[in-house]
Amino acid sequence: MADISMQRNHPFGLDGAKGKLTTLLDGFKARKPDLVSDVVWTGNTAVASGKMFKAAFSVSDKDVAVEIDLIGFAAKMAKGMVREQISKQLDREFPA
């Protein structure tokens, strides 16, 4: 079971939502290269990994889902902050 799970509905269609999610993940990697080491897309799911996490970002024509596994004690202590930051970014890209 993931340490953090969240989902957002969207009206953008599959291609529009995948484009937004790609931009979001590219931004994370550019801003935090010391934390985000890799993002690999397979179909409509991106797996991002880094120093203290592994995450799956899945997109469909109706929603976006995020599942994050935090690795290590320090990462688990920052769970609330990580959840808040991801939630803010999802709310910005996929407003209700």
Foldseek 3Di string as FASTA:
>chain_A
DFPDKDKAWAQLFQVRVLVLVVVVVVVCCVVCVQFWPDWDDDPQWIWIGGDFKIKIWGTHGTMIMIGMHGHDDVRSVCSVVVNVVVVVSCCVSGPD
